[in-house]
Amino acid sequence: MASLLSYDELVPLTVREALKAALAAPAHERQAGLASAATLLFRETGIDCMDVRELVGLNEAYACG
C-alpha cells in the first residue's frame, strides 16, 4: 500500500516524498524510513495510528507520532 500512497495526490507531498525515499532505501534502512513517513502521515492527516501502521506496512510495535 505504501507504494500506492507515494503517488496519491490526496496524500500530503511531504508524506509522498518520505514514502518514495523509504521505498528506494536499502532494505536495512527501509523500516526506519517507513516509520518516518508513518509519523508524518499520522501528524498531517489525523488518520488513526492503527490505520497508519496498516497503510504504511508497519507492525504493532510502531508507536505513532
Protein backbone atom coordinates (compact mmCIF):
# COMPACT_ATOMS: atom_id res chain seq x y z
CA MET A 1 0.00 0.00 0.00
CA ALA A 2 2.91 2.36 0.73
CA SER A 3 3.93 2.42 -2.92
CA LEU A 4 0.40 3.42 -3.94
CA LEU A 5 0.26 6.15 -1.32
CA SER A 6 3.52 7.60 -2.62
CA TYR A 7 1.71 8.61 -5.83
CA ASP A 8 -1.71 9.58 -4.48
CA GLU A 9 -2.23 13.34 -4.78
CA LEU A 10 -4.59 13.25 -1.79
CA VAL A 11 -1.62 12.31 0.40
CA PRO A 12 0.44 15.32 1.57
CA LEU A 13 3.55 15.93 -0.52
CA THR A 14 5.88 15.53 2.47
CA VAL A 15 4.45 12.08 3.14
CA ARG A 16 4.70 11.04 -0.52
CA GLU A 17 8.34 12.14 -0.65
CA ALA A 18 9.15 10.29 2.59
CA LEU A 19 7.48 7.14 1.29
CA LYS A 20 9.35 7.29 -2.01
CA ALA A 21 12.65 7.74 -0.15
CA ALA A 22 11.87 4.84 2.19
CA LEU A 23 10.93 2.53 -0.66
CA ALA A 24 14.11 3.43 -2.56
CA ALA A 25 16.34 2.93 0.50
CA PRO A 26 18.43 -0.20 1.07
CA ALA A 27 16.49 -2.96 2.81
CA HIS A 28 18.22 -2.44 6.16
CA GLU A 29 17.11 1.24 6.21
CA ARG A 30 13.58 0.78 4.87
CA GLN A 31 11.76 0.24 8.19
CA ALA A 32 13.17 3.47 9.66
CA GLY A 33 12.11 5.37 6.55
CA LEU A 34 8.63 3.90 6.64
CA ALA A 35 8.34 4.82 10.32
CA SER A 36 9.26 8.42 9.50
CA ALA A 37 6.70 8.50 6.70
CA ALA A 38 4.08 7.00 9.01
CA THR A 39 4.76 9.67 11.62
CA LEU A 40 4.26 12.38 9.01
CA LEU A 41 1.08 10.72 7.76
CA PHE A 42 -0.28 10.49 11.29
CA ARG A 43 0.56 14.11 12.15
CA GLU A 44 -0.53 15.69 8.89
CA THR A 45 -3.79 13.82 8.34
CA GLY A 46 -5.05 12.74 11.73
CA ILE A 47 -5.61 9.20 10.46
CA ASP A 48 -5.85 6.72 13.33
CA CYS A 49 -2.49 5.22 14.31
CA MET A 50 -3.63 1.66 13.68
CA ASP A 51 -4.71 2.61 10.18
CA VAL A 52 -1.45 4.45 9.51
CA ARG A 53 0.53 1.35 10.51
CA GLU A 54 -1.53 -0.80 8.18
CA LEU A 55 -1.32 1.65 5.27
CA VAL A 56 2.45 2.01 5.51
CA GLY A 57 3.12 -1.64 6.32
CA LEU A 58 4.48 -1.43 9.85
CA ASN A 59 3.82 -3.84 12.69
CA GLU A 60 2.13 -3.11 16.00
CA ALA A 61 5.46 -2.25 17.65
CA TYR A 62 5.46 1.11 15.84
CA ALA A 63 4.02 3.88 18.02
CA CYS A 64 2.67 6.83 16.06
CA GLY A 65 3.87 10.36 16.48
